[in-house]
PDB file of N, CA and C in Angstrom:
ATOM      1  N   MET A   1      -9.864 -62.136 103.000  1.00  0.00           N
ATOM      2  CA  MET A   1     -10.719 -61.314 102.391  1.00  0.00           C
ATOM      3  C   MET A   1      -9.993 -59.420 102.538  1.00  0.00           C
ATOM      4  N   ARG A   2      -8.904 -59.112 103.134  1.00  0.00           N
ATOM      5  CA  ARG A   2      -8.239 -58.535 103.321  1.00  0.00           C
ATOM      6  C   ARG A   2      -7.601 -57.618 102.081  1.00  0.00           C
ATOM      7  N   TRP A   3      -6.961 -58.284 101.116  1.00  0.00           N
ATOM      8  CA  TRP A   3      -6.627 -58.224  99.523  1.00  0.00           C
ATOM      9  C   TRP A   3      -8.123 -57.446  99.000  1.00  0.00           C
ATOM     10  N   LEU A   4      -9.826 -57.983  99.390  1.00  0.00           N
ATOM     11  CA  LEU A   4     -10.736 -57.510  98.375  1.00  0.00           C
ATOM     12  C   LEU A   4     -10.752 -56.328  98.900  1.00  0.00           C
ATOM     13  N   ALA A   5     -10.381 -55.719  99.492  1.00  0.00           N
ATOM     14  CA  ALA A   5     -10.567 -54.819 100.392  1.00  0.00           C
ATOM     15  C   ALA A   5      -9.291 -53.605  99.770  1.00  0.00           C
ATOM     16  N   VAL A   6      -8.088 -54.168  99.731  1.00  0.00           N
ATOM     17  CA  VAL A   6      -7.262 -53.357  98.720  1.00  0.00           C
ATOM     18  C   VAL A   6      -7.538 -53.210  97.287  1.00  0.00           C
ATOM     19  N   VAL A   7      -8.315 -54.196  96.693  1.00  0.00           N
ATOM     20  CA  VAL A   7      -8.705 -54.504  95.130  1.00  0.00           C
ATOM     21  C   VAL A   7      -9.291 -53.371  95.254  1.00  0.00           C
ATOM     22  N   LEU A   8     -10.091 -53.292  95.679  1.00  0.00           N
ATOM     23  CA  LEU A   8     -11.045 -52.438  95.836  1.00  0.00           C
ATOM     24  C   LEU A   8     -10.530 -51.080  95.975  1.00  0.00           C
ATOM     25  N   ALA A   9     -10.229 -50.440  97.019  1.00  0.00           N
ATOM     26  CA  ALA A   9      -9.446 -49.365  97.302  1.00  0.00           C
ATOM     27  C   ALA A   9      -8.651 -49.050  96.288  1.00  0.00           C
ATOM     28  N   ALA A  10      -8.039 -49.856  95.460  1.00  0.00           N
ATOM     29  CA  ALA A  10      -7.100 -49.960  94.716  1.00  0.00           C
ATOM     30  C   ALA A  10      -7.959 -49.316  92.929  1.00  0.00           C
ATOM     31  N   CYS A  11      -8.953 -49.925  93.269  1.00  0.00           N
ATOM     32  CA  CYS A  11      -9.834 -49.771  91.649  1.00  0.00           C
ATOM     33  C   CYS A  11     -10.773 -48.486  91.411  1.00  0.00           C
ATOM     34  N   LEU A  12     -10.809 -48.039  92.872  1.00  0.00           N
ATOM     35  CA  LEU A  12     -11.653 -46.729  93.543  1.00  0.00           C
ATOM     36  C   LEU A  12     -10.736 -45.495  93.186  1.00  0.00           C
ATOM     37  N   SER A  13      -9.794 -45.499  93.264  1.00  0.00           N
ATOM     38  CA  SER A  13      -7.967 -44.627  93.244  1.00  0.00           C
ATOM     39  C   SER A  13      -8.238 -44.651  91.713  1.00  0.00           C
ATOM     40  N   TRP A  14      -8.507 -44.499  90.833  1.00  0.00           N
ATOM     41  CA  TRP A  14      -8.531 -44.826  89.414  1.00  0.00           C
ATOM     42  C   TRP A  14      -9.126 -43.522  89.144  1.00  0.00           C
ATOM     43  N   SER A  15      -9.815 -42.423  89.889  1.00  0.00           N
ATOM     44  CA  SER A  15     -10.936 -41.512  89.647  1.00  0.00           C
ATOM     45  C   SER A  15      -9.799 -40.698  89.074  1.00  0.00           C
ATOM     46  N   ALA A  16      -8.442 -40.524  88.747  1.00  0.00           N
ATOM     47  CA  ALA A  16      -8.053 -39.557  88.314  1.00  0.00           C
ATOM     48  C   ALA A  16      -7.937 -39.475  86.793  1.00  0.00           C
ATOM     49  N   TRP A  17      -8.347 -40.445  85.921  1.00  0.00           N
ATOM     50  CA  TRP A  17      -8.408 -40.715  85.153  1.00  0.00           C
ATOM     51  C   TRP A  17      -9.361 -40.939  84.325  1.00  0.00           C
ATOM     52  N   ALA A  18     -10.899 -40.807  85.328  1.00  0.00           N
ATOM     53  CA  ALA A  18     -11.871 -41.645  84.931  1.00  0.00           C
ATOM     54  C   ALA A  18     -13.301 -40.516  84.344  1.00  0.00           C
ATOM     55  N   LEU A  19     -12.606 -39.630  84.311  1.00  0.00           N
ATOM     56  CA  LEU A  19     -13.453 -38.924  82.761  1.00  0.00           C
ATOM     57  C   LEU A  19     -13.319 -39.198  81.835  1.00  0.00           C
ATOM     58  N   ASP A  20     -11.872 -39.372  81.352  1.00  0.00           N
ATOM     59  CA  ASP A  20     -11.627 -39.568  79.828  1.00  0.00           C
ATOM     60  C   ASP A  20     -12.294 -41.293  79.681  1.00  0.00           C
ATOM     61  N   LEU A  21     -11.587 -42.217  80.871  1.00  0.00           N
ATOM     62  CA  LEU A  21     -11.986 -43.101  80.525  1.00  0.00           C
ATOM     63  C   LEU A  21     -13.547 -43.471  80.623  1.00  0.00           C
ATOM     64  N   GLN A  22     -14.216 -42.973  81.329  1.00  0.00           N
ATOM     65  CA  GLN A  22     -15.782 -43.080  81.650  1.00  0.00           C
ATOM     66  C   GLN A  22     -16.552 -42.640  80.199  1.00  0.00           C
ATOM     67  N   GLN A  23     -15.978 -41.531  79.601  1.00  0.00           N
ATOM     68  CA  GLN A  23     -16.505 -40.842  78.250  1.00  0.00           C
ATOM     69  C   GLN A  23     -16.329 -42.478  77.267  1.00  0.00           C
ATOM     70  N   ALA A  24     -15.579 -42.696  77.196  1.00  0.00           N
ATOM     71  CA  ALA A  24     -14.768 -43.558  76.238  1.00  0.00           C
ATOM     72  C   ALA A  24     -15.473 -45.054  76.919  1.00  0.00           C
ATOM     73  N   LYS A  25     -16.046 -44.936  77.715  1.00  0.00           N
ATOM     74  CA  LYS A  25     -16.730 -46.704  78.132  1.00  0.00           C
ATOM     75  C   LYS A  25     -18.348 -46.435  77.807  1.00  0.00           C
ATOM     76  N   GLN A  26     -18.678 -44.813  77.899  1.00  0.00           N
ATOM     77  CA  GLN A  26     -20.333 -44.448  77.222  1.00  0.00           C
ATOM     78  C   GLN A  26     -20.651 -44.324  76.156  1.00  0.00           C
ATOM     79  N   GLN A  27     -19.111 -44.019  75.506  1.00  0.00           N
ATOM     80  CA  GLN A  27     -19.074 -44.067  73.903  1.00  0.00           C
ATOM     81  C   GLN A  27     -19.324 -45.965  73.134  1.00  0.00           C
ATOM     82  N   GLY A  28     -18.833 -46.300  73.516  1.00  0.00           N
ATOM     83  CA  GLY A  28     -18.672 -47.990  73.673  1.00  0.00           C
ATOM     84  C   GLY A  28     -17.457 -48.300  72.983  1.00  0.00           C
ATOM     85  N   LEU A  29     -16.423 -47.195  73.561  1.00  0.00           N
ATOM     86  CA  LEU A  29     -15.303 -47.523  72.924  1.00  0.00           C
ATOM     87  C   LEU A  29     -14.424 -48.260  73.823  1.00  0.00           C
ATOM     88  N   ILE A  30     -14.490 -48.673  74.857  1.00  0.00           N
ATOM     89  CA  ILE A  30     -13.482 -49.316  75.770  1.00  0.00           C
ATOM     90  C   ILE A  30     -14.600 -50.351  76.767  1.00  0.00           C
ATOM     91  N   GLY A  31     -14.324 -51.318  77.178  1.00  0.00           N
ATOM     92  CA  GLY A  31     -14.617 -52.313  78.039  1.00  0.00           C
ATOM     93  C   GLY A  31     -14.191 -52.741  78.601  1.00  0.00           C
ATOM     94  N   GLU A  32     -14.762 -53.527  79.813  1.00  0.00           N
ATOM     95  CA  GLU A  32     -13.986 -54.683  80.826  1.00  0.00           C
ATOM     96  C   GLU A  32     -13.512 -55.375  80.672  1.00  0.00           C
ATOM     97  N   GLN A  33     -12.290 -56.164  80.988  1.00  0.00           N
ATOM     98  CA  GLN A  33     -11.904 -57.520  80.690  1.00  0.00           C
ATOM     99  C   GLN A  33     -11.799 -58.596  81.395  1.00  0.00           C
ATOM    100  N   LEU A  34     -11.886 -59.654  81.561  1.00  0.00           N
ATOM    101  CA  LEU A  34     -11.893 -60.748  82.879  1.00  0.00           C
ATOM    102  C   LEU A  34     -10.531 -60.629  83.420  1.00  0.00           C
ATOM    103  N   ASN A  35      -9.248 -60.159  82.644  1.00  0.00           N
ATOM    104  CA  ASN A  35      -8.441 -60.033  83.239  1.00  0.00           C
ATOM    105  C   ASN A  35      -7.655 -58.512  83.968  1.00  0.00           C
ATOM    106  N   GLY A  36      -9.117 -58.074  84.323  1.00  0.00           N
ATOM    107  CA  GLY A  36      -8.925 -56.945  85.359  1.00  0.00           C
ATOM    108  C   GLY A  36      -8.381 -55.654  84.458  1.00  0.00           C
ATOM    109  N   LEU A  37      -8.045 -55.306  83.300  1.00  0.00           N
ATOM    110  CA  LEU A  37      -7.791 -54.840  82.559  1.00  0.00           C
ATOM    111  C   LEU A  37      -8.794 -54.388  81.520  1.00  0.00           C
ATOM    112  N   VAL A  38      -8.663 -53.028  80.830  1.00  0.00           N
ATOM    113  CA  VAL A  38      -9.637 -52.843  80.179  1.00  0.00           C
ATOM    114  C   VAL A  38      -8.887 -53.099  78.746  1.00  0.00           C
ATOM    115  N   GLY A  39     -10.108 -53.070  77.799  1.00  0.00           N
ATOM    116  CA  GLY A  39      -9.523 -53.347  76.523  1.00  0.00           C
ATOM    117  C   GLY A  39     -10.409 -52.225  75.592  1.00  0.00           C
ATOM    118  N   VAL A  40     -10.158 -52.360  74.177  1.00  0.00           N
ATOM    119  CA  VAL A  40     -10.965 -51.645  72.783  1.00  0.00           C
ATOM    120  C   VAL A  40     -11.110 -52.141  72.315  1.00  0.00           C
ATOM    121  N   VAL A  41     -12.775 -51.447  72.272  1.00  0.00           N
ATOM    122  CA  VAL A  41     -13.838 -52.518  71.657  1.00  0.00           C
ATOM    123  C   VAL A  41     -14.059 -51.483  70.419  1.00  0.00           C
ATOM    124  N   ARG A  42     -13.526 -50.266  70.155  1.00  0.00           N
ATOM    125  CA  ARG A  42     -13.459 -50.043  68.475  1.00  0.00           C
ATOM    126  C   ARG A  42     -12.286 -48.831  68.969  1.00  0.00           C
ATOM    127  N   GLY A  43     -11.593 -48.930  68.129  1.00  0.00           N
ATOM    128  CA  GLY A  43     -10.393 -48.126  68.583  1.00  0.00           C
ATOM    129  C   GLY A  43      -9.985 -46.711  67.617  1.00  0.00           C
ATOM    130  N   SER A  44      -8.954 -46.428  68.023  1.00  0.00           N
ATOM    131  CA  SER A  44      -8.055 -45.216  67.591  1.00  0.00           C
ATOM    132  C   SER A  44      -7.215 -44.957  68.484  1.00  0.00           C
ATOM    133  N   GLY A  45      -6.535 -44.173  67.996  1.00  0.00           N
ATOM    134  CA  GLY A  45      -5.078 -43.581  68.333  1.00  0.00           C
ATOM    135  C   GLY A  45      -5.161 -43.016  69.891  1.00  0.00           C
ATOM    136  N   GLU A  46      -6.249 -42.455  70.216  1.00  0.00           N
ATOM    137  CA  GLU A  46      -6.997 -41.794  71.372  1.00  0.00           C
ATOM    138  C   GLU A  46      -7.355 -42.731  72.246  1.00  0.00           C
ATOM    139  N   VAL A  47      -8.159 -43.606  71.924  1.00  0.00           N
ATOM    140  CA  VAL A  47      -8.353 -44.769  72.641  1.00  0.00           C
ATOM    141  C   VAL A  47      -7.621 -45.397  73.125  1.00  0.00           C
ATOM    142  N   ASN A  48      -6.481 -46.033  72.222  1.00  0.00           N
ATOM    143  CA  ASN A  48      -5.651 -46.798  72.499  1.00  0.00           C
ATOM    144  C   ASN A  48      -4.678 -46.516  73.815  1.00  0.00           C
ATOM    145  N   ALA A  49      -4.593 -45.043  73.275  1.00  0.00           N
ATOM    146  CA  ALA A  49      -3.632 -44.305  74.257  1.00  0.00           C
ATOM    147  C   ALA A  49      -4.322 -44.547  76.259  1.00  0.00           C
ATOM    148  N   ILE A  50      -5.579 -44.477  75.727  1.00  0.00           N
ATOM    149  CA  ILE A  50      -6.001 -44.293  76.970  1.00  0.00           C
ATOM    150  C   ILE A  50      -6.205 -45.838  77.751  1.00  0.00           C
ATOM    151  N   ALA A  51      -6.676 -46.868  76.879  1.00  0.00           N
ATOM    152  CA  ALA A  51      -6.928 -48.016  77.814  1.00  0.00           C
ATOM    153  C   ALA A  51      -5.116 -48.663  78.143  1.00  0.00           C
ATOM    154  N   SER A  52      -3.907 -47.870  77.213  1.00  0.00           N
ATOM    155  CA  SER A  52      -2.765 -48.341  77.824  1.00  0.00           C
ATOM    156  C   SER A  52      -2.401 -47.590  78.674  1.00  0.00           C
ATOM    157  N   ASP A  53      -2.728 -46.349  79.272  1.00  0.00           N
ATOM    158  CA  ASP A  53      -2.218 -45.456  80.143  1.00  0.00           C
ATOM    159  C   ASP A  53      -3.124 -45.997  81.549  1.00  0.00           C
ATOM    160  N   VAL A  54      -4.674 -46.540  81.301  1.00  0.00           N
ATOM    161  CA  VAL A  54      -5.375 -46.648  82.472  1.00  0.00           C
ATOM    162  C   VAL A  54      -4.715 -48.733  82.733  1.00  0.00           C
ATOM    163  N   ASN A  55      -4.522 -49.374  81.782  1.00  0.00           N
ATOM    164  CA  ASN A  55      -3.434 -50.823  82.250  1.00  0.00           C
ATOM    165  C   ASN A  55      -2.161 -50.459  82.758  1.00  0.00           C
ATOM    166  N   ARG A  56      -1.789 -49.634  82.420  1.00  0.00           N
ATOM    167  CA  ARG A  56      -0.128 -49.548  82.934  1.00  0.00           C
ATOM    168  C   ARG A  56      -0.621 -49.605  84.709  1.00  0.00           C
ATOM    169  N   LYS A  57      -1.446 -48.437  84.961  1.00  0.00           N
ATOM    170  CA  LYS A  57      -1.778 -48.356  86.324  1.00  0.00           C
ATOM    171  C   LYS A  57      -2.004 -49.252  86.780  1.00  0.00           C
ATOM    172  N   ARG A  58      -3.149 -49.651  86.521  1.00  0.00           N
ATOM    173  CA  ARG A  58      -4.007 -51.033  86.609  1.00  0.00           C
ATOM    174  C   ARG A  58      -2.811 -52.015  87.103  1.00  0.00           C
ATOM    175  N   LEU A  59      -1.989 -52.457  86.496  1.00  0.00           N
ATOM    176  CA  LEU A  59      -1.090 -53.394  86.642  1.00  0.00           C
ATOM    177  C   LEU A  59       0.019 -52.756  87.915  1.00  0.00           C
ATOM    178  N   GLU A  60      -0.018 -51.676  88.027  1.00  0.00           N
ATOM    179  CA  GLU A  60       1.199 -51.350  88.733  1.00  0.00           C
ATOM    180  C   GLU A  60       0.473 -51.618  90.133  1.00  0.00           C
ATOM    181  N   SER A  61      -0.503 -51.286  90.106  1.00  0.00           N
ATOM    182  CA  SER A  61      -0.846 -51.632  91.492  1.00  0.00           C
ATOM    183  C   SER A  61      -1.293 -52.705  92.141  1.00  0.00           C
ATOM    184  N   TYR A  62      -1.955 -53.842  91.061  1.00  0.00           N
ATOM    185  CA  TYR A  62      -1.956 -55.025  90.832  1.00  0.00           C
ATOM    186  C   TYR A  62      -0.725 -56.144  91.666  1.00  0.00           C
ATOM    187  N   GLN A  63       0.374 -55.733  90.806  1.00  0.00           N
ATOM    188  CA  GLN A  63       1.559 -56.054  91.370  1.00  0.00           C
ATOM    189  C   GLN A  63       1.675 -55.284  92.355  1.00  0.00           C
ATOM    190  N   ASP A  64       1.885 -54.733  92.933  1.00  0.00           N
ATOM    191  CA  ASP A  64       1.883 -53.945  94.766  1.00  0.00           C
ATOM    192  C   ASP A  64       0.958 -55.000  95.316  1.00  0.00           C
ATOM    193  N   ILE A  65      -0.204 -54.910  95.299  1.00  0.00           N
ATOM    194  CA  ILE A  65      -1.439 -55.858  95.841  1.00  0.00           C
ATOM    195  C   ILE A  65      -0.320 -57.403  96.069  1.00  0.00           C
ATOM    196  N   ALA A  66      -0.460 -58.107  94.804  1.00  0.00           N
ATOM    197  CA  ALA A  66       0.118 -59.209  94.738  1.00  0.00           C
ATOM    198  C   ALA A  66       1.525 -59.098  95.815  1.00  0.00           C
ATOM    199  N   ARG A  67       2.237 -58.223  95.327  1.00  0.00           N
ATOM    200  CA  ARG A  67       3.494 -58.392  96.701  1.00  0.00           C
ATOM    201  C   ARG A  67       3.400 -58.279  98.432  1.00  0.00           C
ATOM    202  N   ARG A  68       2.486 -57.710  98.708  1.00  0.00           N
ATOM    203  CA  ARG A  68       1.769 -57.152  99.829  1.00  0.00           C
ATOM    204  C   ARG A  68       1.337 -58.157 100.323  1.00  0.00           C
ATOM    205  N   THR A  69       0.077 -59.241  99.581  1.00  0.00           N
ATOM    206  CA  THR A  69      -0.595 -60.183  99.926  1.00  0.00           C
ATOM    207  C   THR A  69      -0.028 -61.324  99.549  1.00  0.00           C
ATOM    208  N   GLY A  70       1.124 -61.697  98.894  1.00  0.00           N
ATOM    209  CA  GLY A  70       2.032 -62.960  98.850  1.00  0.00           C
ATOM    210  C   GLY A  70       1.259 -63.832  97.609  1.00  0.00           C
ATOM    211  N   THR A  71       0.176 -63.285  96.920  1.00  0.00           N
ATOM    212  CA  THR A  71      -0.805 -63.535  96.166  1.00  0.00           C
ATOM    213  C   THR A  71      -0.322 -63.528  94.452  1.00  0.00           C
ATOM    214  N   SER A  72      -0.394 -64.154  93.733  1.00  0.00           N
ATOM    215  CA  SER A  72       0.024 -64.149  92.233  1.00  0.00           C
ATOM    216  C   SER A  72      -0.535 -63.001  91.998  1.00  0.00           C
ATOM    217  N   LEU A  73      -0.090 -62.304  90.477  1.00  0.00           N
ATOM    218  CA  LEU A  73      -0.795 -61.317  89.923  1.00  0.00           C
ATOM    219  C   LEU A  73      -1.775 -62.576  89.122  1.00  0.00           C
ATOM    220  N   SER A  74      -1.565 -63.254  88.655  1.00  0.00           N
ATOM    221  CA  SER A  74      -2.978 -63.782  87.390  1.00  0.00           C
ATOM    222  C   SER A  74      -4.097 -63.599  88.607  1.00  0.00           C
ATOM    223  N   VAL A  75      -3.925 -64.415  89.692  1.00  0.00           N
ATOM    224  CA  VAL A  75      -5.414 -64.062  90.967  1.00  0.00           C
ATOM    225  C   VAL A  75      -5.819 -63.162  91.121  1.00  0.00           C
ATOM    226  N   VAL A  76      -4.551 -62.073  91.304  1.00  0.00           N
ATOM    227  CA  VAL A  76      -5.661 -60.439  91.587  1.00  0.00           C
ATOM    228  C   VAL A  76      -5.642 -60.270  90.294  1.00  0.00           C
ATOM    229  N   GLN A  77      -5.477 -60.333  89.405  1.00  0.00           N
ATOM    230  CA  GLN A  77      -5.938 -59.632  88.187  1.00  0.00           C
ATOM    231  C   GLN A  77      -7.326 -60.177  87.898  1.00  0.00           C
ATOM    232  N   SER A  78      -7.410 -61.401  88.107  1.00  0.00           N
ATOM    233  CA  SER A  78      -8.640 -62.055  88.255  1.00  0.00           C
ATOM    234  C   SER A  78      -9.714 -61.639  89.010  1.00  0.00           C
ATOM    235  N   ARG A  79      -9.422 -61.671  89.945  1.00  0.00           N
ATOM    236  CA  ARG A  79     -10.466 -60.880  91.014  1.00  0.00           C
ATOM    237  C   ARG A  79     -10.873 -59.515  91.169  1.00  0.00           C
ATOM    238  N   ALA A  80     -10.050 -58.626  90.756  1.00  0.00           N
ATOM    239  CA  ALA A  80     -10.169 -57.384  90.151  1.00  0.00           C
ATOM    240  C   ALA A  80     -11.276 -57.372  88.808  1.00  0.00           C
ATOM    241  N   GLY A  81     -10.643 -58.316  87.947  1.00  0.00           N
ATOM    242  CA  GLY A  81     -11.947 -58.062  86.499  1.00  0.00           C
ATOM    243  C   GLY A  81     -13.016 -58.500  86.939  1.00  0.00           C
ATOM    244  N   GLN A  82     -13.512 -59.533  87.814  1.00  0.00           N
ATOM    245  CA  GLN A  82     -14.254 -59.928  88.662  1.00  0.00           C
ATOM    246  C   GLN A  82     -15.470 -58.611  89.006  1.00  0.00           C
ATOM    247  N   LEU A  83     -14.920 -58.093  89.798  1.00  0.00           N
ATOM    248  CA  LEU A  83     -15.288 -56.892  90.915  1.00  0.00           C
ATOM    249  C   LEU A  83     -15.707 -55.941  89.775  1.00  0.00           C
ATOM    250  N   ASN A  84     -14.578 -55.514  88.206  1.00  0.00           N
ATOM    251  CA  ASN A  84     -14.959 -54.338  87.472  1.00  0.00           C
ATOM    252  C   ASN A  84     -16.079 -54.535  87.047  1.00  0.00           C
ATOM    253  N   ILE A  85     -16.151 -55.790  86.420  1.00  0.00           N
ATOM    254  CA  ILE A  85     -17.255 -56.369  85.584  1.00  0.00           C
ATOM    255  C   ILE A  85     -18.726 -55.877  86.400  1.00  0.00           C
ATOM    256  N   GLU A  86     -18.717 -56.639  87.949  1.00  0.00           N
ATOM    257  CA  GLU A  86     -19.785 -56.249  88.563  1.00  0.00           C
ATOM    258  C   GLU A  86     -20.180 -54.877  88.469  1.00  0.00           C
ATOM    259  N   ARG A  87     -19.264 -54.649  88.305  1.00  0.00           N
ATOM    260  CA  ARG A  87     -19.779 -52.701  88.875  1.00  0.00           C
ATOM    261  C   ARG A  87     -19.853 -51.944  87.591  1.00  0.00           C
ATOM    262  N   THR A  88     -19.725 -52.791  86.350  1.00  0.00           N
ATOM    263  CA  THR A  88     -19.478 -52.124  85.081  1.00  0.00           C
ATOM    264  C   THR A  88     -21.209 -51.695  84.965  1.00  0.00           C
ATOM    265  N   ALA A  89     -21.398 -50.450  84.149  1.00  0.00           N
ATOM    266  CA  ALA A  89     -22.826 -49.860  84.601  1.00  0.00           C
ATOM    267  C   ALA A  89     -23.514 -50.598  83.160  1.00  0.00           C
ATOM    268  N   GLY A  90     -24.369 -50.590  83.352  1.00  0.00           N
ATOM    269  CA  GLY A  90     -25.606 -51.213  82.048  1.00  0.00           C
ATOM    270  C   GLY A  90     -25.166 -50.411  81.002  1.00  0.00           C
ATOM    271  N   GLY A  91     -25.026 -50.969  80.018  1.00  0.00           N
ATOM    272  CA  GLY A  91     -24.903 -50.519  78.715  1.00  0.00           C
ATOM    273  C   GLY A  91     -23.690 -50.418  78.215  1.00  0.00           C
ATOM    274  N   HIS A  92     -22.471 -50.607  78.892  1.00  0.00           N
ATOM    275  CA  HIS A  92     -21.198 -50.372  78.886  1.00  0.00           C
ATOM    276  C   HIS A  92     -20.615 -52.009  78.455  1.00  0.00           C
ATOM    277  N   TYR A  93     -19.564 -52.225  77.411  1.00  0.00           N
ATOM    278  CA  TYR A  93     -19.444 -53.214  77.207  1.00  0.00           C
ATOM    279  C   TYR A  93     -17.989 -54.191  78.406  1.00  0.00           C
ATOM    280  N   ILE A  94     -18.628 -55.645  78.229  1.00  0.00           N
ATOM    281  CA  ILE A  94     -17.926 -56.563  78.753  1.00  0.00           C
ATOM    282  C   ILE A  94     -17.373 -57.161  78.214  1.00  0.00           C
ATOM    283  N   GLN A  95     -15.952 -58.238  78.326  1.00  0.00           N
ATOM    284  CA  GLN A  95     -15.698 -58.798  77.392  1.00  0.00           C
ATOM    285  C   GLN A  95     -16.120 -60.567  77.965  1.00  0.00           C
ATOM    286  N   LEU A  96     -16.733 -61.509  77.128  1.00  0.00           N
ATOM    287  CA  LEU A  96     -16.669 -62.773  77.758  1.00  0.00           C
ATOM    288  C   LEU A  96     -15.988 -63.671  78.049  1.00  0.00           C
ATOM    289  N   ALA A  97     -15.353 -64.270  78.126  1.00  0.00           N
ATOM    290  CA  ALA A  97     -14.665 -65.851  78.452  1.00  0.00           C
ATOM    291  C   ALA A  97     -14.152 -65.856  76.834  1.00  0.00           C
ATOM    292  N   ASP A  98     -14.966 -65.716  75.838  1.00  0.00           N
ATOM    293  CA  ASP A  98     -14.568 -66.477  74.525  1.00  0.00           C
ATOM    294  C   ASP A  98     -13.636 -64.939  73.672  1.00  0.00           C
ATOM    295  N   GLY A  99     -13.849 -63.866  74.322  1.00  0.00           N
ATOM    296  CA  GLY A  99     -13.284 -62.887  73.782  1.00  0.00           C
ATOM    297  C   GLY A  99     -13.717 -62.146  73.396  1.00  0.00           C
ATOM    298  N   SER A 100     -14.842 -62.147  72.546  1.00  0.00           N
ATOM    299  CA  SER A 100     -16.290 -61.543  72.328  1.00  0.00           C
ATOM    300  C   SER A 100     -16.640 -60.553  73.239  1.00  0.00           C
ATOM    301  N   TRP A 101     -17.131 -59.123  72.614  1.00  0.00           N
ATOM    302  CA  TRP A 101     -17.655 -58.490  73.480  1.00  0.00           C
ATOM    303  C   TRP A 101     -19.041 -58.240  73.660  1.00  0.00           C
ATOM    304  N   ARG A 102     -19.815 -57.690  74.826  1.00  0.00           N
ATOM    305  CA  ARG A 102     -21.223 -57.836  74.749  1.00  0.00           C
ATOM    306  C   ARG A 102     -21.467 -56.273  75.949  1.00  0.00           C
ATOM    307  N   ARG A 103     -22.592 -55.685  75.498  1.00  0.00           N
ATOM    308  CA  ARG A 103     -23.150 -54.701  76.605  1.00  0.00           C
ATOM    309  C   ARG A 103     -23.759 -55.372  77.522  1.00  0.00           C
ATOM    310  N   LYS A 104     -23.545 -54.670  78.652  1.00  0.00           N
ATOM    311  CA  LYS A 104     -23.748 -55.444  80.292  1.00  0.00           C
ATOM    312  C   LYS A 104     -25.610 -54.999  80.492  1.00  0.00           C
TER     313      LYS A 104
END
């Protein structure tokens, strides 16, 4: 359960870029994926840059969590993805297992 607290703390620490990410989510441009990363629903250069930046930071955090807990990166990403999707606001996009996007 300690890893869950670490993942949750890492997710909450992403508020430094939350405004840009939040705006992109509200506009239906970016959504949460099962692998703990964000994906581009409808892209442009700016949207792709936001997603890349968020994903780079998330991966760094996930790698750190995996090292500290002795868990594989894929397990950390999967658990983070589940948490992120659960916390996704209604009307924002989430990616389904088949790769398609739907509004929550």
